[in-house]
Amino acid sequence: MKSREELERIKEETLAEIRLRSSQGCPRIVVGMGTCGIAAGARETMLAIIDELRKRRRLDVTISETGCIGLCAKEPIVEVNIPGQPKIVYGNVDPSRARQIVLSHIINHKPIQGWVINVDEKKS
């Protein structure tokens, strides 16, 4: 059996992860988790995003999954939606790139142009 303190720590970590997946009116990250995305490493990419956001104490970012986006050759695909800005879609996002996207795009508001595969000019 675990100690009471350890159970409390696990509880807080779990609640923080739930908040990462459900914040509203804040930045949103969508990871393509269709079969092709999962085969290309999307699960690991998503876990890296969650971990990086947690490290940087950004609990106001919603993280969600979607099915196949249709660009299998560019998987894993990650969309970043920041309210009031165009939606940016990144391709070939491995865990290392995912962490850099969190730092550059989410934290510093600077998209990484070399990895962008689409920009939706409609404001999020």
N, C-alpha and C. Protein backbone atom coordinates (compact mmCIF):
# COMPACT_ATOMS: atom_id res chain seq x y z
N MET A 1 0.84 -1.19 0.00
CA MET A 1 0.00 0.00 0.00
C MET A 1 0.87 1.24 0.00
N LYS A 2 0.43 2.23 -0.68
CA LYS A 2 1.17 3.48 -0.78
C LYS A 2 0.84 4.37 0.42
N SER A 3 1.76 5.28 0.71
CA SER A 3 1.52 6.20 1.82
C SER A 3 0.46 7.23 1.42
N ARG A 4 -0.12 7.86 2.41
CA ARG A 4 -1.14 8.88 2.17
C ARG A 4 -0.57 10.03 1.33
N GLU A 5 0.67 10.43 1.62
CA GLU A 5 1.31 11.52 0.88
C GLU A 5 1.50 11.16 -0.59
N GLU A 6 1.90 9.91 -0.83
CA GLU A 6 2.11 9.49 -2.21
C GLU A 6 0.78 9.42 -2.97
N LEU A 7 -0.27 8.96 -2.30
CA LEU A 7 -1.59 8.94 -2.93
C LEU A 7 -2.08 10.35 -3.25
N GLU A 8 -1.82 11.29 -2.36
CA GLU A 8 -2.20 12.69 -2.61
C GLU A 8 -1.43 13.25 -3.81
N ARG A 9 -0.14 12.93 -3.92
CA ARG A 9 0.68 13.38 -5.04
C ARG A 9 0.14 12.81 -6.35
N ILE A 10 -0.20 11.52 -6.36
CA ILE A 10 -0.74 10.87 -7.55
C ILE A 10 -2.08 11.52 -7.93
N LYS A 11 -2.89 11.81 -6.94
CA LYS A 11 -4.18 12.45 -7.18
C LYS A 11 -3.99 13.81 -7.85
N GLU A 12 -3.08 14.63 -7.32
CA GLU A 12 -2.83 15.96 -7.89
C GLU A 12 -2.29 15.88 -9.31
N GLU A 13 -1.39 14.94 -9.56
CA GLU A 13 -0.86 14.77 -10.92
C GLU A 13 -1.96 14.37 -11.89
N THR A 14 -2.84 13.48 -11.46
CA THR A 14 -3.94 13.04 -12.31
C THR A 14 -4.91 14.18 -12.59
N LEU A 15 -5.26 14.95 -11.57
CA LEU A 15 -6.15 16.09 -11.77
C LEU A 15 -5.53 17.13 -12.71
N ALA A 16 -4.22 17.35 -12.60
CA ALA A 16 -3.54 18.29 -13.50
C ALA A 16 -3.62 17.80 -14.93
N GLU A 17 -3.46 16.50 -15.15
CA GLU A 17 -3.54 15.96 -16.50
C GLU A 17 -4.96 16.10 -17.06
N ILE A 18 -5.96 15.89 -16.22
CA ILE A 18 -7.35 16.06 -16.65
C ILE A 18 -7.59 17.51 -17.06
N ARG A 19 -7.06 18.46 -16.29
CA ARG A 19 -7.22 19.88 -16.63
C ARG A 19 -6.55 20.18 -17.96
N LEU A 20 -5.40 19.54 -18.25
CA LEU A 20 -4.71 19.75 -19.53
C LEU A 20 -5.60 19.38 -20.70
N ARG A 21 -6.47 18.41 -20.52
CA ARG A 21 -7.30 17.92 -21.60
C ARG A 21 -8.65 18.61 -21.69
N SER A 22 -8.97 19.51 -20.77
CA SER A 22 -10.32 20.04 -20.77
C SER A 22 -10.45 21.54 -20.57
N SER A 23 -9.40 22.32 -20.63
CA SER A 23 -9.50 23.77 -20.48
C SER A 23 -10.29 24.36 -21.64
N GLN A 24 -11.12 25.38 -21.39
CA GLN A 24 -11.92 25.99 -22.44
C GLN A 24 -11.57 27.45 -22.61
N GLY A 25 -11.67 27.96 -23.86
CA GLY A 25 -11.39 29.36 -24.13
C GLY A 25 -9.91 29.69 -24.10
N CYS A 26 -9.08 28.69 -24.14
CA CYS A 26 -7.63 28.86 -24.06
C CYS A 26 -6.99 28.18 -25.27
N PRO A 27 -5.68 28.24 -25.38
CA PRO A 27 -5.02 27.54 -26.49
C PRO A 27 -5.43 26.07 -26.52
N ARG A 28 -5.47 25.53 -27.74
CA ARG A 28 -5.88 24.14 -27.93
C ARG A 28 -4.90 23.44 -28.85
N ILE A 29 -4.50 22.23 -28.48
CA ILE A 29 -3.63 21.41 -29.30
C ILE A 29 -4.40 20.14 -29.65
N VAL A 30 -4.44 19.81 -30.95
CA VAL A 30 -5.13 18.62 -31.42
C VAL A 30 -4.10 17.71 -32.09
N VAL A 31 -4.07 16.45 -31.66
CA VAL A 31 -3.12 15.48 -32.21
C VAL A 31 -3.90 14.46 -33.03
N GLY A 32 -3.46 14.24 -34.28
CA GLY A 32 -4.08 13.24 -35.14
C GLY A 32 -3.76 11.84 -34.64
N MET A 33 -4.81 11.12 -34.21
CA MET A 33 -4.61 9.80 -33.62
C MET A 33 -5.33 8.71 -34.42
N GLY A 34 -5.41 8.89 -35.73
CA GLY A 34 -5.92 7.81 -36.57
C GLY A 34 -4.89 6.69 -36.59
N THR A 35 -5.22 5.60 -37.25
CA THR A 35 -4.31 4.45 -37.29
C THR A 35 -2.94 4.85 -37.83
N CYS A 36 -2.93 5.68 -38.89
CA CYS A 36 -1.65 6.08 -39.48
C CYS A 36 -0.86 6.97 -38.51
N GLY A 37 -1.55 7.83 -37.78
CA GLY A 37 -0.87 8.69 -36.81
C GLY A 37 -0.27 7.89 -35.68
N ILE A 38 -1.04 6.94 -35.16
CA ILE A 38 -0.54 6.10 -34.07
C ILE A 38 0.67 5.30 -34.54
N ALA A 39 0.59 4.73 -35.75
CA ALA A 39 1.71 3.96 -36.29
C ALA A 39 2.95 4.82 -36.47
N ALA A 40 2.76 6.12 -36.74
CA ALA A 40 3.89 7.03 -36.93
C ALA A 40 4.43 7.59 -35.62
N GLY A 41 3.77 7.30 -34.49
CA GLY A 41 4.28 7.77 -33.20
C GLY A 41 3.47 8.86 -32.52
N ALA A 42 2.20 9.01 -32.90
CA ALA A 42 1.39 10.09 -32.34
C ALA A 42 1.18 9.97 -30.83
N ARG A 43 1.10 8.75 -30.32
CA ARG A 43 0.94 8.60 -28.87
C ARG A 43 2.12 9.21 -28.12
N GLU A 44 3.31 8.89 -28.57
CA GLU A 44 4.51 9.43 -27.94
C GLU A 44 4.58 10.94 -28.08
N THR A 45 4.15 11.44 -29.24
CA THR A 45 4.10 12.88 -29.48
C THR A 45 3.15 13.55 -28.50
N MET A 46 1.98 12.97 -28.33
CA MET A 46 0.99 13.54 -27.41
C MET A 46 1.50 13.51 -25.97
N LEU A 47 2.12 12.43 -25.57
CA LEU A 47 2.68 12.33 -24.22
C LEU A 47 3.77 13.37 -23.99
N ALA A 48 4.57 13.64 -25.02
CA ALA A 48 5.61 14.67 -24.91
C ALA A 48 4.99 16.05 -24.74
N ILE A 49 3.90 16.32 -25.46
CA ILE A 49 3.20 17.61 -25.33
C ILE A 49 2.67 17.76 -23.91
N ILE A 50 2.00 16.73 -23.42
CA ILE A 50 1.45 16.78 -22.06
C ILE A 50 2.56 17.00 -21.05
N ASP A 51 3.65 16.26 -21.19
CA ASP A 51 4.77 16.38 -20.25
C ASP A 51 5.38 17.78 -20.28
N GLU A 52 5.57 18.33 -21.48
CA GLU A 52 6.18 19.66 -21.60
C GLU A 52 5.27 20.74 -21.02
N LEU A 53 3.97 20.63 -21.28
CA LEU A 53 3.04 21.60 -20.70
C LEU A 53 3.03 21.50 -19.18
N ARG A 54 3.09 20.29 -18.67
CA ARG A 54 3.12 20.10 -17.22
C ARG A 54 4.39 20.71 -16.63
N LYS A 55 5.53 20.46 -17.26
CA LYS A 55 6.80 21.03 -16.78
C LYS A 55 6.76 22.55 -16.73
N ARG A 56 6.09 23.13 -17.70
CA ARG A 56 6.03 24.59 -17.80
C ARG A 56 4.81 25.16 -17.09
N ARG A 57 4.08 24.30 -16.40
CA ARG A 57 2.92 24.70 -15.59
C ARG A 57 1.87 25.45 -16.43
N ARG A 58 1.67 24.99 -17.66
CA ARG A 58 0.64 25.55 -18.53
C ARG A 58 -0.57 24.63 -18.50
N LEU A 59 -1.40 24.82 -17.50
CA LEU A 59 -2.57 23.97 -17.32
C LEU A 59 -3.79 24.54 -18.02
N ASP A 60 -3.60 25.65 -18.74
CA ASP A 60 -4.72 26.29 -19.43
C ASP A 60 -4.83 25.88 -20.89
N VAL A 61 -4.07 24.90 -21.32
CA VAL A 61 -4.07 24.46 -22.71
C VAL A 61 -4.87 23.18 -22.83
N THR A 62 -5.86 23.18 -23.73
CA THR A 62 -6.65 21.98 -23.99
C THR A 62 -5.88 21.09 -24.95
N ILE A 63 -5.84 19.81 -24.64
CA ILE A 63 -5.22 18.82 -25.53
C ILE A 63 -6.30 17.82 -25.90
N SER A 64 -6.46 17.59 -27.20
CA SER A 64 -7.46 16.61 -27.62
C SER A 64 -6.92 15.79 -28.78
N GLU A 65 -7.66 14.75 -29.10
CA GLU A 65 -7.30 13.85 -30.18
C GLU A 65 -8.34 13.96 -31.28
N THR A 66 -7.92 13.63 -32.49
CA THR A 66 -8.85 13.53 -33.61
C THR A 66 -8.47 12.30 -34.40
N GLY A 67 -9.34 11.89 -35.29
CA GLY A 67 -9.06 10.74 -36.14
C GLY A 67 -8.14 11.12 -37.29
N CYS A 68 -8.22 10.37 -38.34
CA CYS A 68 -7.36 10.59 -39.50
C CYS A 68 -7.61 11.97 -40.10
N ILE A 69 -6.54 12.67 -40.37
CA ILE A 69 -6.62 14.00 -40.96
C ILE A 69 -6.48 13.92 -42.48
N GLY A 70 -5.94 12.82 -42.99
CA GLY A 70 -5.85 12.60 -44.43
C GLY A 70 -4.50 12.86 -45.05
N LEU A 71 -3.53 13.21 -44.24
CA LEU A 71 -2.18 13.46 -44.75
C LEU A 71 -1.22 12.43 -44.14
N CYS A 72 -1.45 11.17 -44.44
CA CYS A 72 -0.72 10.09 -43.78
C CYS A 72 0.80 10.24 -43.88
N ALA A 73 1.28 10.76 -44.98
CA ALA A 73 2.73 10.91 -45.14
C ALA A 73 3.32 11.97 -44.21
N LYS A 74 2.48 12.82 -43.63
CA LYS A 74 2.95 13.88 -42.73
C LYS A 74 2.72 13.57 -41.26
N GLU A 75 2.23 12.37 -40.94
CA GLU A 75 1.97 12.01 -39.55
C GLU A 75 3.27 11.86 -38.77
N PRO A 76 3.20 12.09 -37.49
CA PRO A 76 2.14 12.63 -36.66
C PRO A 76 1.88 14.11 -36.98
N ILE A 77 0.59 14.44 -36.99
CA ILE A 77 0.14 15.79 -37.28
C ILE A 77 -0.40 16.43 -36.00
N VAL A 78 -0.03 17.69 -35.79
CA VAL A 78 -0.45 18.43 -34.60
C VAL A 78 -0.98 19.79 -35.04
N GLU A 79 -2.20 20.12 -34.60
CA GLU A 79 -2.79 21.45 -34.83
C GLU A 79 -2.61 22.28 -33.57
N VAL A 80 -2.28 23.55 -33.76
CA VAL A 80 -2.22 24.48 -32.63
C VAL A 80 -3.20 25.60 -32.91
N ASN A 81 -4.16 25.75 -31.99
CA ASN A 81 -5.18 26.79 -32.10
C ASN A 81 -5.04 27.73 -30.91
N ILE A 82 -4.65 28.94 -31.18
CA ILE A 82 -4.56 29.97 -30.13
C ILE A 82 -5.65 31.00 -30.45
N PRO A 83 -6.55 31.27 -29.50
CA PRO A 83 -7.64 32.21 -29.77
C PRO A 83 -7.14 33.52 -30.37
N GLY A 84 -7.80 33.95 -31.45
CA GLY A 84 -7.45 35.21 -32.10
C GLY A 84 -6.33 35.10 -33.12
N GLN A 85 -5.79 33.89 -33.32
CA GLN A 85 -4.71 33.68 -34.28
C GLN A 85 -5.11 32.60 -35.27
N PRO A 86 -4.46 32.56 -36.46
CA PRO A 86 -4.76 31.49 -37.40
C PRO A 86 -4.38 30.13 -36.81
N LYS A 87 -5.13 29.10 -37.25
CA LYS A 87 -4.81 27.73 -36.83
C LYS A 87 -3.59 27.27 -37.62
N ILE A 88 -2.60 26.72 -36.92
CA ILE A 88 -1.38 26.23 -37.54
C ILE A 88 -1.36 24.71 -37.45
N VAL A 89 -1.04 24.04 -38.57
CA VAL A 89 -0.94 22.58 -38.60
C VAL A 89 0.51 22.21 -38.88
N TYR A 90 1.06 21.40 -37.99
CA TYR A 90 2.44 20.93 -38.13
C TYR A 90 2.45 19.47 -38.56
N GLY A 91 3.45 19.10 -39.38
CA GLY A 91 3.60 17.70 -39.80
C GLY A 91 4.90 17.11 -39.34
N ASN A 92 4.93 15.77 -39.33
CA ASN A 92 6.11 15.00 -38.92
C ASN A 92 6.58 15.40 -37.52
N VAL A 93 5.64 15.48 -36.58
CA VAL A 93 5.94 15.96 -35.23
C VAL A 93 6.29 14.77 -34.33
N ASP A 94 7.58 14.58 -34.14
CA ASP A 94 8.04 13.56 -33.19
C ASP A 94 8.06 14.19 -31.79
N PRO A 95 8.35 13.41 -30.74
CA PRO A 95 8.34 13.98 -29.39
C PRO A 95 9.28 15.17 -29.20
N SER A 96 10.43 15.15 -29.83
CA SER A 96 11.36 16.28 -29.71
C SER A 96 10.78 17.55 -30.33
N ARG A 97 10.21 17.43 -31.52
CA ARG A 97 9.57 18.58 -32.16
C ARG A 97 8.37 19.05 -31.35
N ALA A 98 7.63 18.11 -30.78
CA ALA A 98 6.45 18.47 -29.98
C ALA A 98 6.86 19.39 -28.83
N ARG A 99 7.93 19.04 -28.15
CA ARG A 99 8.41 19.87 -27.04
C ARG A 99 8.82 21.26 -27.53
N GLN A 100 9.46 21.32 -28.69
CA GLN A 100 9.87 22.61 -29.25
C GLN A 100 8.67 23.45 -29.66
N ILE A 101 7.62 22.79 -30.18
CA ILE A 101 6.39 23.52 -30.55
C ILE A 101 5.75 24.12 -29.31
N VAL A 102 5.71 23.36 -28.22
CA VAL A 102 5.15 23.90 -26.97
C VAL A 102 5.92 25.14 -26.56
N LEU A 103 7.23 25.06 -26.54
CA LEU A 103 8.06 26.19 -26.10
C LEU A 103 7.92 27.38 -27.05
N SER A 104 8.11 27.14 -28.35
CA SER A 104 8.12 28.25 -29.29
C SER A 104 6.71 28.81 -29.56
N HIS A 105 5.77 27.94 -29.89
CA HIS A 105 4.45 28.41 -30.32
C HIS A 105 3.53 28.71 -29.14
N ILE A 106 3.41 27.79 -28.20
CA ILE A 106 2.48 27.99 -27.09
C ILE A 106 3.03 29.00 -26.08
N ILE A 107 4.27 28.84 -25.67
CA ILE A 107 4.84 29.70 -24.63
C ILE A 107 5.25 31.07 -25.18
N ASN A 108 5.98 31.07 -26.32
CA ASN A 108 6.54 32.31 -26.86
C ASN A 108 5.76 32.89 -28.05
N HIS A 109 4.67 32.24 -28.46
CA HIS A 109 3.80 32.71 -29.54
C HIS A 109 4.54 32.90 -30.87
N LYS A 110 5.51 32.02 -31.15
CA LYS A 110 6.26 32.07 -32.40
C LYS A 110 6.18 30.72 -33.09
N PRO A 111 5.29 30.58 -34.10
CA PRO A 111 5.20 29.31 -34.83
C PRO A 111 6.54 28.96 -35.48
N ILE A 112 6.79 27.68 -35.62
CA ILE A 112 8.03 27.21 -36.26
C ILE A 112 7.71 26.97 -37.73
N GLN A 113 7.99 27.96 -38.57
CA GLN A 113 7.56 27.97 -39.97
C GLN A 113 8.03 26.76 -40.77
N GLY A 114 9.21 26.26 -40.52
CA GLY A 114 9.76 25.15 -41.29
C GLY A 114 9.00 23.85 -41.14
N TRP A 115 8.20 23.72 -40.10
CA TRP A 115 7.44 22.49 -39.86
C TRP A 115 5.96 22.63 -40.18
N VAL A 116 5.53 23.83 -40.57
CA VAL A 116 4.11 24.10 -40.85
C VAL A 116 3.73 23.46 -42.18
N ILE A 117 2.59 22.73 -42.17
CA ILE A 117 2.08 22.16 -43.42
C ILE A 117 0.79 22.83 -43.86
N ASN A 118 0.16 23.61 -42.97
CA ASN A 118 -1.04 24.35 -43.34
C ASN A 118 -1.31 25.46 -42.33
N VAL A 119 -1.83 26.57 -42.85
CA VAL A 119 -2.27 27.68 -41.99
C VAL A 119 -3.70 28.00 -42.39
N ASP A 120 -4.61 27.92 -41.43
CA ASP A 120 -6.01 28.29 -41.67
C ASP A 120 -6.15 29.73 -41.19
N GLU A 121 -6.31 30.65 -42.11
CA GLU A 121 -6.33 32.07 -41.79
C GLU A 121 -7.53 32.50 -40.96
N LYS A 122 -8.58 31.65 -40.90
CA LYS A 122 -9.70 31.99 -40.04
C LYS A 122 -9.21 31.97 -38.61
N LYS A 123 -9.54 32.99 -37.87
CA LYS A 123 -9.09 33.09 -36.48
C LYS A 123 -9.76 32.03 -35.63
N SER A 124 -9.01 31.42 -34.74
CA SER A 124 -9.55 30.39 -33.85
C SER A 124 -10.52 30.99 -32.86
